[in-house]
Amino acid sequence: MNEIIKKNGITFGIITGVISILITGFIYLVDIKLFTAWWLGLVSIAIYLGIGIYLLIKTRKELGGVFSFKDAFTTYFISAVIGIAISVIFNILLFNVIDPSLKDTVQELSIESAVSMMKKFGTPTSEIKKAVEGMSETNQFETMSLLKGSAFSIIFSSIFGLILAAIFKSKPKDQY
């Protein structure tokens, strides 16, 4: 594997992980209700996509403009996996070691938020009750749930990685 790809993937993975920790820490310190704010999730995705785009632009430039689809995807994938791993480790520590009561509080807030949203959309009471029962049975902040969630995050990130790799790939100048 090319050293530039490996170095940039690792570096930006660490940066992404640290930013994730900072966002989570900010929410924890400022207002835990923000854990259920849908708009904050969108802002976070935009930040991570921005970092990924910058990563691919920087790596392509460092490679002299020659950036295959495989190299672009590999760079993004390394970064995403490292960032997700750092984030999940922090979340496991926060919700299960540092402040175990936080997971119950955030779950209650999530249920309240979901019920409010379902009522706004006119969901029948029986369906709301079923949803609440389902949400109450599983806690998304338990260690196994966080690990399962990380697998879905990797899949989701891979889809973005494939799209970005297709956008940022380039051919050697002699192939034009």
N, C-alpha and C. Protein backbone atom coordinates (compact mmCIF):
# COMPACT_ATOMS: atom_id res chain seq x y z
N MET A 1 0.84 -1.18 0.00
CA MET A 1 0.00 0.00 0.00
C MET A 1 0.89 1.25 0.00
N ASN A 2 0.48 2.22 -0.75
CA ASN A 2 1.21 3.48 -0.85
C ASN A 2 1.26 4.16 0.52
N GLU A 3 2.43 4.66 0.88
CA GLU A 3 2.63 5.29 2.20
C GLU A 3 1.79 6.56 2.37
N ILE A 4 1.60 7.32 1.30
CA ILE A 4 0.79 8.54 1.38
C ILE A 4 -0.65 8.19 1.70
N ILE A 5 -1.16 7.16 1.05
CA ILE A 5 -2.54 6.71 1.30
C ILE A 5 -2.69 6.26 2.74
N LYS A 6 -1.74 5.45 3.20
CA LYS A 6 -1.80 4.95 4.57
C LYS A 6 -1.69 6.09 5.58
N LYS A 7 -0.70 6.97 5.38
CA LYS A 7 -0.48 8.09 6.31
C LYS A 7 -1.69 9.00 6.38
N ASN A 8 -2.23 9.39 5.23
CA ASN A 8 -3.39 10.29 5.22
C ASN A 8 -4.63 9.62 5.78
N GLY A 9 -4.84 8.35 5.44
CA GLY A 9 -6.00 7.63 5.98
C GLY A 9 -5.95 7.56 7.50
N ILE A 10 -4.79 7.22 8.04
CA ILE A 10 -4.64 7.13 9.50
C ILE A 10 -4.78 8.50 10.15
N THR A 11 -4.08 9.49 9.60
CA THR A 11 -4.13 10.84 10.17
C THR A 11 -5.55 11.39 10.19
N PHE A 12 -6.24 11.29 9.07
CA PHE A 12 -7.59 11.84 9.00
C PHE A 12 -8.59 10.98 9.78
N GLY A 13 -8.31 9.69 9.93
CA GLY A 13 -9.14 8.85 10.79
C GLY A 13 -9.05 9.30 12.23
N ILE A 14 -7.85 9.60 12.67
CA ILE A 14 -7.66 10.10 14.04
C ILE A 14 -8.34 11.46 14.20
N ILE A 15 -8.18 12.33 13.21
CA ILE A 15 -8.84 13.65 13.26
C ILE A 15 -10.35 13.48 13.36
N THR A 16 -10.92 12.60 12.53
CA THR A 16 -12.36 12.36 12.55
C THR A 16 -12.80 11.81 13.90
N GLY A 17 -12.04 10.87 14.45
CA GLY A 17 -12.36 10.32 15.76
C GLY A 17 -12.33 11.36 16.86
N VAL A 18 -11.32 12.23 16.82
CA VAL A 18 -11.21 13.28 17.83
C VAL A 18 -12.37 14.27 17.69
N ILE A 19 -12.73 14.62 16.47
CA ILE A 19 -13.87 15.52 16.27
C ILE A 19 -15.15 14.88 16.79
N SER A 20 -15.31 13.60 16.57
CA SER A 20 -16.48 12.89 17.09
C SER A 20 -16.51 12.94 18.62
N ILE A 21 -15.36 12.74 19.24
CA ILE A 21 -15.27 12.82 20.71
C ILE A 21 -15.62 14.24 21.17
N LEU A 22 -15.12 15.24 20.46
CA LEU A 22 -15.41 16.62 20.84
C LEU A 22 -16.90 16.94 20.71
N ILE A 23 -17.54 16.46 19.65
CA ILE A 23 -18.97 16.69 19.47
C ILE A 23 -19.75 16.01 20.59
N THR A 24 -19.42 14.75 20.85
CA THR A 24 -20.11 14.01 21.92
C THR A 24 -19.87 14.66 23.27
N GLY A 25 -18.64 15.05 23.53
CA GLY A 25 -18.31 15.72 24.79
C GLY A 25 -19.05 17.04 24.94
N PHE A 26 -19.14 17.79 23.84
CA PHE A 26 -19.87 19.06 23.85
C PHE A 26 -21.33 18.83 24.22
N ILE A 27 -21.95 17.84 23.58
CA ILE A 27 -23.35 17.52 23.87
C ILE A 27 -23.50 17.14 25.34
N TYR A 28 -22.61 16.29 25.81
CA TYR A 28 -22.67 15.82 27.20
C TYR A 28 -22.56 16.98 28.19
N LEU A 29 -21.66 17.91 27.90
CA LEU A 29 -21.43 19.02 28.82
C LEU A 29 -22.48 20.14 28.70
N VAL A 30 -23.01 20.36 27.51
CA VAL A 30 -23.91 21.48 27.28
C VAL A 30 -25.38 21.11 27.51
N ASP A 31 -25.87 20.08 26.82
CA ASP A 31 -27.28 19.70 26.94
C ASP A 31 -27.48 18.32 26.35
N ILE A 32 -27.73 17.34 27.21
CA ILE A 32 -27.86 15.97 26.71
C ILE A 32 -29.07 15.78 25.81
N LYS A 33 -30.00 16.73 25.80
CA LYS A 33 -31.14 16.64 24.89
C LYS A 33 -30.67 16.70 23.43
N LEU A 34 -29.49 17.26 23.22
CA LEU A 34 -28.95 17.34 21.85
C LEU A 34 -28.62 15.96 21.27
N PHE A 35 -28.50 14.95 22.13
CA PHE A 35 -28.27 13.59 21.63
C PHE A 35 -29.43 13.13 20.75
N THR A 36 -30.61 13.72 20.93
CA THR A 36 -31.79 13.33 20.15
C THR A 36 -32.11 14.33 19.04
N ALA A 37 -31.29 15.34 18.86
CA ALA A 37 -31.55 16.37 17.85
C ALA A 37 -31.17 15.86 16.45
N TRP A 38 -32.17 15.72 15.59
CA TRP A 38 -31.94 15.19 14.25
C TRP A 38 -31.01 16.11 13.45
N TRP A 39 -31.14 17.41 13.65
CA TRP A 39 -30.34 18.36 12.88
C TRP A 39 -28.86 18.25 13.23
N LEU A 40 -28.54 17.87 14.47
CA LEU A 40 -27.14 17.72 14.85
C LEU A 40 -26.53 16.51 14.13
N GLY A 41 -27.34 15.49 13.91
CA GLY A 41 -26.87 14.34 13.13
C GLY A 41 -26.53 14.74 11.71
N LEU A 42 -27.35 15.59 11.13
CA LEU A 42 -27.08 16.07 9.76
C LEU A 42 -25.82 16.93 9.71
N VAL A 43 -25.66 17.79 10.73
CA VAL A 43 -24.46 18.63 10.79
C VAL A 43 -23.21 17.74 10.92
N SER A 44 -23.31 16.72 11.75
CA SER A 44 -22.17 15.81 11.93
C SER A 44 -21.82 15.10 10.63
N ILE A 45 -22.83 14.61 9.91
CA ILE A 45 -22.58 13.95 8.63
C ILE A 45 -21.91 14.92 7.67
N ALA A 46 -22.38 16.17 7.63
CA ALA A 46 -21.78 17.18 6.75
C ALA A 46 -20.32 17.43 7.12
N ILE A 47 -20.03 17.47 8.41
CA ILE A 47 -18.64 17.67 8.85
C ILE A 47 -17.77 16.51 8.40
N TYR A 48 -18.25 15.28 8.61
CA TYR A 48 -17.46 14.10 8.24
C TYR A 48 -17.27 14.00 6.73
N LEU A 49 -18.30 14.36 5.97
CA LEU A 49 -18.16 14.37 4.51
C LEU A 49 -17.16 15.43 4.07
N GLY A 50 -17.21 16.59 4.71
CA GLY A 50 -16.25 17.66 4.40
C GLY A 50 -14.83 17.21 4.66
N ILE A 51 -14.62 16.54 5.77
CA ILE A 51 -13.29 16.02 6.10
C ILE A 51 -12.87 14.98 5.06
N GLY A 52 -13.80 14.11 4.67
CA GLY A 52 -13.49 13.08 3.67
C GLY A 52 -13.14 13.68 2.32
N ILE A 53 -13.86 14.70 1.93
CA ILE A 53 -13.58 15.37 0.65
C ILE A 53 -12.20 16.03 0.71
N TYR A 54 -11.92 16.73 1.80
CA TYR A 54 -10.61 17.36 1.95
C TYR A 54 -9.51 16.30 1.93
N LEU A 55 -9.74 15.18 2.61
CA LEU A 55 -8.77 14.08 2.63
C LEU A 55 -8.46 13.60 1.21
N LEU A 56 -9.49 13.40 0.41
CA LEU A 56 -9.27 12.89 -0.95
C LEU A 56 -8.60 13.94 -1.85
N ILE A 57 -8.97 15.19 -1.70
CA ILE A 57 -8.32 16.26 -2.48
C ILE A 57 -6.84 16.32 -2.12
N LYS A 58 -6.54 16.31 -0.84
CA LYS A 58 -5.16 16.40 -0.36
C LYS A 58 -4.34 15.19 -0.83
N THR A 59 -4.91 14.00 -0.71
CA THR A 59 -4.20 12.78 -1.10
C THR A 59 -3.95 12.76 -2.60
N ARG A 60 -4.96 13.12 -3.39
CA ARG A 60 -4.78 13.14 -4.84
C ARG A 60 -3.67 14.11 -5.23
N LYS A 61 -3.63 15.27 -4.58
CA LYS A 61 -2.60 16.27 -4.85
C LYS A 61 -1.21 15.72 -4.50
N GLU A 62 -1.11 15.06 -3.32
CA GLU A 62 0.17 14.50 -2.89
C GLU A 62 0.64 13.35 -3.79
N LEU A 63 -0.30 12.69 -4.46
CA LEU A 63 0.04 11.61 -5.38
C LEU A 63 0.30 12.14 -6.80
N GLY A 64 0.36 13.42 -6.94
CA GLY A 64 0.66 14.01 -8.24
C GLY A 64 -0.52 14.00 -9.20
N GLY A 65 -1.72 13.93 -8.66
CA GLY A 65 -2.91 13.96 -9.51
C GLY A 65 -3.35 12.60 -10.02
N VAL A 66 -2.56 11.57 -9.78
CA VAL A 66 -2.90 10.22 -10.23
C VAL A 66 -3.52 9.49 -9.05
N PHE A 67 -4.83 9.23 -9.16
CA PHE A 67 -5.57 8.68 -8.03
C PHE A 67 -6.59 7.68 -8.56
N SER A 68 -6.28 6.41 -8.47
CA SER A 68 -7.20 5.38 -8.96
C SER A 68 -8.42 5.29 -8.05
N PHE A 69 -9.46 4.68 -8.55
CA PHE A 69 -10.67 4.47 -7.76
C PHE A 69 -10.33 3.68 -6.50
N LYS A 70 -9.54 2.63 -6.66
CA LYS A 70 -9.17 1.78 -5.52
C LYS A 70 -8.40 2.58 -4.47
N ASP A 71 -7.45 3.38 -4.90
CA ASP A 71 -6.66 4.18 -3.96
C ASP A 71 -7.53 5.22 -3.25
N ALA A 72 -8.44 5.84 -3.98
CA ALA A 72 -9.33 6.83 -3.38
C ALA A 72 -10.24 6.17 -2.34
N PHE A 73 -10.81 5.03 -2.71
CA PHE A 73 -11.69 4.34 -1.76
C PHE A 73 -10.90 3.84 -0.55
N THR A 74 -9.72 3.29 -0.78
CA THR A 74 -8.90 2.79 0.32
C THR A 74 -8.55 3.90 1.31
N THR A 75 -8.18 5.05 0.78
CA THR A 75 -7.85 6.19 1.63
C THR A 75 -9.04 6.57 2.50
N TYR A 76 -10.20 6.72 1.88
CA TYR A 76 -11.41 7.10 2.61
C TYR A 76 -11.80 6.01 3.62
N PHE A 77 -11.72 4.75 3.21
CA PHE A 77 -12.13 3.64 4.06
C PHE A 77 -11.27 3.53 5.31
N ILE A 78 -9.96 3.67 5.15
CA ILE A 78 -9.05 3.63 6.31
C ILE A 78 -9.43 4.73 7.29
N SER A 79 -9.62 5.92 6.78
CA SER A 79 -9.99 7.06 7.62
C SER A 79 -11.31 6.80 8.33
N ALA A 80 -12.30 6.31 7.61
CA ALA A 80 -13.62 6.09 8.20
C ALA A 80 -13.58 5.03 9.30
N VAL A 81 -12.91 3.93 9.04
CA VAL A 81 -12.86 2.85 10.03
C VAL A 81 -12.15 3.30 11.31
N ILE A 82 -11.05 4.02 11.16
CA ILE A 82 -10.33 4.51 12.34
C ILE A 82 -11.19 5.53 13.10
N GLY A 83 -11.82 6.45 12.39
CA GLY A 83 -12.68 7.44 13.03
C GLY A 83 -13.84 6.79 13.77
N ILE A 84 -14.48 5.81 13.14
CA ILE A 84 -15.60 5.11 13.77
C ILE A 84 -15.12 4.34 14.99
N ALA A 85 -13.98 3.67 14.88
CA ALA A 85 -13.45 2.90 16.02
C ALA A 85 -13.17 3.80 17.22
N ILE A 86 -12.55 4.94 16.98
CA ILE A 86 -12.25 5.88 18.08
C ILE A 86 -13.56 6.37 18.70
N SER A 87 -14.52 6.72 17.87
CA SER A 87 -15.80 7.23 18.35
C SER A 87 -16.53 6.17 19.18
N VAL A 88 -16.56 4.94 18.70
CA VAL A 88 -17.27 3.87 19.41
C VAL A 88 -16.59 3.56 20.74
N ILE A 89 -15.28 3.53 20.76
CA ILE A 89 -14.56 3.28 22.02
C ILE A 89 -14.91 4.37 23.03
N PHE A 90 -14.90 5.62 22.58
CA PHE A 90 -15.26 6.72 23.49
C PHE A 90 -16.69 6.57 23.99
N ASN A 91 -17.62 6.26 23.07
CA ASN A 91 -19.02 6.13 23.48
C ASN A 91 -19.22 4.97 24.45
N ILE A 92 -18.51 3.87 24.25
CA ILE A 92 -18.60 2.75 25.19
C ILE A 92 -18.13 3.20 26.57
N LEU A 93 -17.02 3.92 26.58
CA LEU A 93 -16.51 4.43 27.87
C LEU A 93 -17.47 5.42 28.51
N LEU A 94 -17.98 6.37 27.72
CA LEU A 94 -18.88 7.39 28.26
C LEU A 94 -20.15 6.78 28.82
N PHE A 95 -20.82 5.94 28.03
CA PHE A 95 -22.13 5.44 28.41
C PHE A 95 -22.10 4.23 29.35
N ASN A 96 -20.96 3.55 29.45
CA ASN A 96 -20.91 2.34 30.26
C ASN A 96 -19.92 2.39 31.41
N VAL A 97 -19.00 3.36 31.40
CA VAL A 97 -18.00 3.46 32.46
C VAL A 97 -18.08 4.82 33.16
N ILE A 98 -17.95 5.89 32.39
CA ILE A 98 -17.90 7.24 32.96
C ILE A 98 -19.24 7.63 33.59
N ASP A 99 -20.34 7.45 32.83
CA ASP A 99 -21.66 7.85 33.32
C ASP A 99 -22.72 6.85 32.85
N PRO A 100 -22.78 5.68 33.50
CA PRO A 100 -23.73 4.65 33.07
C PRO A 100 -25.20 5.09 33.11
N SER A 101 -25.55 6.03 33.97
CA SER A 101 -26.95 6.49 34.03
C SER A 101 -27.32 7.31 32.79
N LEU A 102 -26.33 7.79 32.08
CA LEU A 102 -26.58 8.60 30.88
C LEU A 102 -27.33 7.81 29.83
N LYS A 103 -27.02 6.54 29.67
CA LYS A 103 -27.68 5.76 28.62
C LYS A 103 -29.18 5.66 28.86
N ASP A 104 -29.59 5.53 30.12
CA ASP A 104 -31.03 5.47 30.43
C ASP A 104 -31.70 6.82 30.18
N THR A 105 -31.02 7.88 30.57
CA THR A 105 -31.56 9.23 30.37
C THR A 105 -31.73 9.54 28.88
N VAL A 106 -30.72 9.23 28.10
CA VAL A 106 -30.78 9.51 26.66
C VAL A 106 -31.82 8.61 26.00
N GLN A 107 -31.95 7.36 26.47
CA GLN A 107 -32.97 6.49 25.90
C GLN A 107 -34.36 7.06 26.17
N GLU A 108 -34.60 7.55 27.38
CA GLU A 108 -35.90 8.16 27.71
C GLU A 108 -36.16 9.38 26.82
N LEU A 109 -35.13 10.19 26.63
CA LEU A 109 -35.27 11.36 25.76
C LEU A 109 -35.55 10.94 24.32
N SER A 110 -34.91 9.87 23.87
CA SER A 110 -35.13 9.37 22.51
C SER A 110 -36.56 8.88 22.34
N ILE A 111 -37.06 8.18 23.34
CA ILE A 111 -38.45 7.70 23.27
C ILE A 111 -39.41 8.88 23.24
N GLU A 112 -39.19 9.88 24.11
CA GLU A 112 -40.05 11.07 24.12
C GLU A 112 -40.02 11.77 22.77
N SER A 113 -38.85 11.89 22.21
CA SER A 113 -38.70 12.55 20.91
C SER A 113 -39.43 11.76 19.81
N ALA A 114 -39.28 10.45 19.83
CA ALA A 114 -39.93 9.61 18.82
C ALA A 114 -41.46 9.69 18.95
N VAL A 115 -41.95 9.65 20.19
CA VAL A 115 -43.40 9.73 20.41
C VAL A 115 -43.93 11.08 19.90
N SER A 116 -43.22 12.14 20.21
CA SER A 116 -43.62 13.47 19.76
C SER A 116 -43.68 13.53 18.23
N MET A 117 -42.67 12.98 17.59
CA MET A 117 -42.61 12.99 16.12
C MET A 117 -43.76 12.15 15.54
N MET A 118 -44.00 10.98 16.13
CA MET A 118 -45.07 10.12 15.61
C MET A 118 -46.44 10.78 15.78
N LYS A 119 -46.64 11.49 16.89
CA LYS A 119 -47.90 12.20 17.10
C LYS A 119 -48.08 13.29 16.05
N LYS A 120 -47.00 14.00 15.74
CA LYS A 120 -47.07 15.05 14.72
C LYS A 120 -47.50 14.50 13.36
N PHE A 121 -47.09 13.25 13.08
CA PHE A 121 -47.43 12.63 11.80
C PHE A 121 -48.74 11.85 11.86
N GLY A 122 -49.44 11.94 12.99
CA GLY A 122 -50.75 11.31 13.11
C GLY A 122 -50.70 9.80 13.23
N THR A 123 -49.64 9.26 13.77
CA THR A 123 -49.51 7.81 13.94
C THR A 123 -50.53 7.33 14.98
N PRO A 124 -51.21 6.24 14.70
CA PRO A 124 -52.19 5.72 15.66
C PRO A 124 -51.53 5.36 17.00
N THR A 125 -52.30 5.53 18.07
CA THR A 125 -51.79 5.27 19.42
C THR A 125 -51.26 3.85 19.57
N SER A 126 -51.92 2.89 18.96
CA SER A 126 -51.48 1.49 19.07
C SER A 126 -50.08 1.31 18.46
N GLU A 127 -49.83 2.00 17.36
CA GLU A 127 -48.51 1.91 16.71
C GLU A 127 -47.45 2.61 17.55
N ILE A 128 -47.82 3.70 18.18
CA ILE A 128 -46.89 4.43 19.06
C ILE A 128 -46.51 3.54 20.23
N LYS A 129 -47.50 2.85 20.81
CA LYS A 129 -47.23 1.95 21.94
C LYS A 129 -46.27 0.83 21.53
N LYS A 130 -46.48 0.25 20.34
CA LYS A 130 -45.58 -0.80 19.84
C LYS A 130 -44.16 -0.27 19.68
N ALA A 131 -44.05 0.92 19.13
CA ALA A 131 -42.72 1.52 18.91
C ALA A 131 -42.02 1.77 20.24
N VAL A 132 -42.77 2.28 21.22
CA VAL A 132 -42.19 2.55 22.54
C VAL A 132 -41.74 1.25 23.19
N GLU A 133 -42.54 0.20 23.08
CA GLU A 133 -42.15 -1.10 23.64
C GLU A 133 -40.85 -1.59 22.99
N GLY A 134 -40.78 -1.48 21.68
CA GLY A 134 -39.57 -1.91 20.96
C GLY A 134 -38.35 -1.11 21.38
N MET A 135 -38.52 0.20 21.50
CA MET A 135 -37.39 1.05 21.90
C MET A 135 -36.98 0.78 23.35
N SER A 136 -37.95 0.44 24.19
CA SER A 136 -37.66 0.19 25.60
C SER A 136 -36.92 -1.13 25.81
N GLU A 137 -37.13 -2.07 24.90
CA GLU A 137 -36.52 -3.40 25.04
C GLU A 137 -35.03 -3.40 24.74
N THR A 138 -34.58 -2.51 23.88
CA THR A 138 -33.15 -2.47 23.53
C THR A 138 -32.59 -1.10 23.86
N ASN A 139 -31.39 -1.11 24.39
CA ASN A 139 -30.74 0.15 24.71
C ASN A 139 -29.59 0.34 23.72
N GLN A 140 -29.71 1.38 22.92
CA GLN A 140 -28.72 1.63 21.86
C GLN A 140 -27.34 1.99 22.38
N PHE A 141 -27.20 2.20 23.69
CA PHE A 141 -25.91 2.60 24.25
C PHE A 141 -25.21 1.49 25.01
N GLU A 142 -25.79 0.30 25.02
CA GLU A 142 -25.10 -0.86 25.58
C GLU A 142 -23.91 -1.17 24.67
N THR A 143 -22.89 -1.78 25.22
CA THR A 143 -21.67 -2.05 24.46
C THR A 143 -21.95 -2.81 23.16
N MET A 144 -22.75 -3.88 23.23
CA MET A 144 -23.02 -4.66 22.02
C MET A 144 -23.80 -3.86 20.99
N SER A 145 -24.73 -3.04 21.45
CA SER A 145 -25.49 -2.20 20.52
C SER A 145 -24.59 -1.19 19.84
N LEU A 146 -23.66 -0.61 20.58
CA LEU A 146 -22.72 0.35 19.99
C LEU A 146 -21.81 -0.35 18.98
N LEU A 147 -21.38 -1.56 19.28
CA LEU A 147 -20.53 -2.30 18.34
C LEU A 147 -21.30 -2.67 17.07
N LYS A 148 -22.56 -3.09 17.23
CA LYS A 148 -23.40 -3.38 16.06
C LYS A 148 -23.61 -2.11 15.24
N GLY A 149 -23.85 -1.01 15.94
CA GLY A 149 -24.04 0.27 15.26
C GLY A 149 -22.81 0.68 14.47
N SER A 150 -21.63 0.33 15.00
CA SER A 150 -20.40 0.68 14.29
C SER A 150 -20.30 -0.08 12.97
N ALA A 151 -20.80 -1.32 12.94
CA ALA A 151 -20.80 -2.08 11.69
C ALA A 151 -21.67 -1.38 10.65
N PHE A 152 -22.83 -0.90 11.07
CA PHE A 152 -23.71 -0.16 10.15
C PHE A 152 -23.06 1.16 9.73
N SER A 153 -22.35 1.80 10.63
CA SER A 153 -21.65 3.04 10.30
C SER A 153 -20.58 2.79 9.25
N ILE A 154 -19.89 1.68 9.37
CA ILE A 154 -18.85 1.33 8.39
C ILE A 154 -19.49 1.08 7.02
N ILE A 155 -20.62 0.38 7.00
CA ILE A 155 -21.32 0.14 5.73
C ILE A 155 -21.78 1.46 5.12
N PHE A 156 -22.39 2.31 5.93
CA PHE A 156 -22.87 3.61 5.48
C PHE A 156 -21.71 4.46 4.96
N SER A 157 -20.61 4.46 5.69
CA SER A 157 -19.42 5.22 5.27
C SER A 157 -18.84 4.65 3.98
N SER A 158 -18.89 3.35 3.83
CA SER A 158 -18.37 2.72 2.61
C SER A 158 -19.15 3.17 1.38
N ILE A 159 -20.45 3.35 1.54
CA ILE A 159 -21.26 3.82 0.42
C ILE A 159 -20.81 5.24 0.03
N PHE A 160 -20.64 6.11 1.03
CA PHE A 160 -20.12 7.45 0.75
C PHE A 160 -18.73 7.36 0.13
N GLY A 161 -17.91 6.44 0.65
CA GLY A 161 -16.56 6.26 0.14
C GLY A 161 -16.56 5.85 -1.33
N LEU A 162 -17.46 4.97 -1.71
CA LEU A 162 -17.55 4.54 -3.11
C LEU A 162 -17.94 5.72 -4.01
N ILE A 163 -18.90 6.50 -3.54
CA ILE A 163 -19.34 7.66 -4.32
C ILE A 163 -18.21 8.68 -4.46
N LEU A 164 -17.56 8.99 -3.33
CA LEU A 164 -16.46 9.97 -3.37
C LEU A 164 -15.28 9.46 -4.18
N ALA A 165 -14.99 8.16 -4.09
CA ALA A 165 -13.89 7.59 -4.87
C ALA A 165 -14.19 7.73 -6.37
N ALA A 166 -15.44 7.52 -6.75
CA ALA A 166 -15.81 7.68 -8.16
C ALA A 166 -15.65 9.12 -8.62
N ILE A 167 -15.92 10.06 -7.72
CA ILE A 167 -15.80 11.48 -8.06
C ILE A 167 -14.34 11.91 -8.14
N PHE A 168 -13.51 11.43 -7.21
CA PHE A 168 -12.14 11.93 -7.10
C PHE A 168 -11.09 11.10 -7.83
N LYS A 169 -11.48 9.99 -8.42
CA LYS A 169 -10.49 9.17 -9.14
C LYS A 169 -9.98 9.94 -10.35
N SER A 170 -8.80 9.60 -10.75
CA SER A 170 -8.24 10.22 -11.95
C SER A 170 -7.38 9.20 -12.67
N LYS A 171 -7.12 9.45 -13.93
CA LYS A 171 -6.30 8.56 -14.73
C LYS A 171 -4.91 9.18 -14.86
N PRO A 172 -3.90 8.32 -15.06
CA PRO A 172 -2.59 8.89 -15.37
C PRO A 172 -2.68 9.74 -16.64
N LYS A 173 -1.86 10.78 -16.71
CA LYS A 173 -1.92 11.72 -17.83
C LYS A 173 -1.72 11.05 -19.19
N ASP A 174 -0.98 9.94 -19.23
CA ASP A 174 -0.74 9.26 -20.52
C ASP A 174 -1.95 8.46 -20.98
N GLN A 175 -3.02 8.36 -20.18
CA GLN A 175 -4.22 7.63 -20.58
C GLN A 175 -5.31 8.56 -21.10
N TYR A 176 -5.03 9.83 -21.24
CA TYR A 176 -6.05 10.77 -21.74
C TYR A 176 -6.12 10.77 -23.22
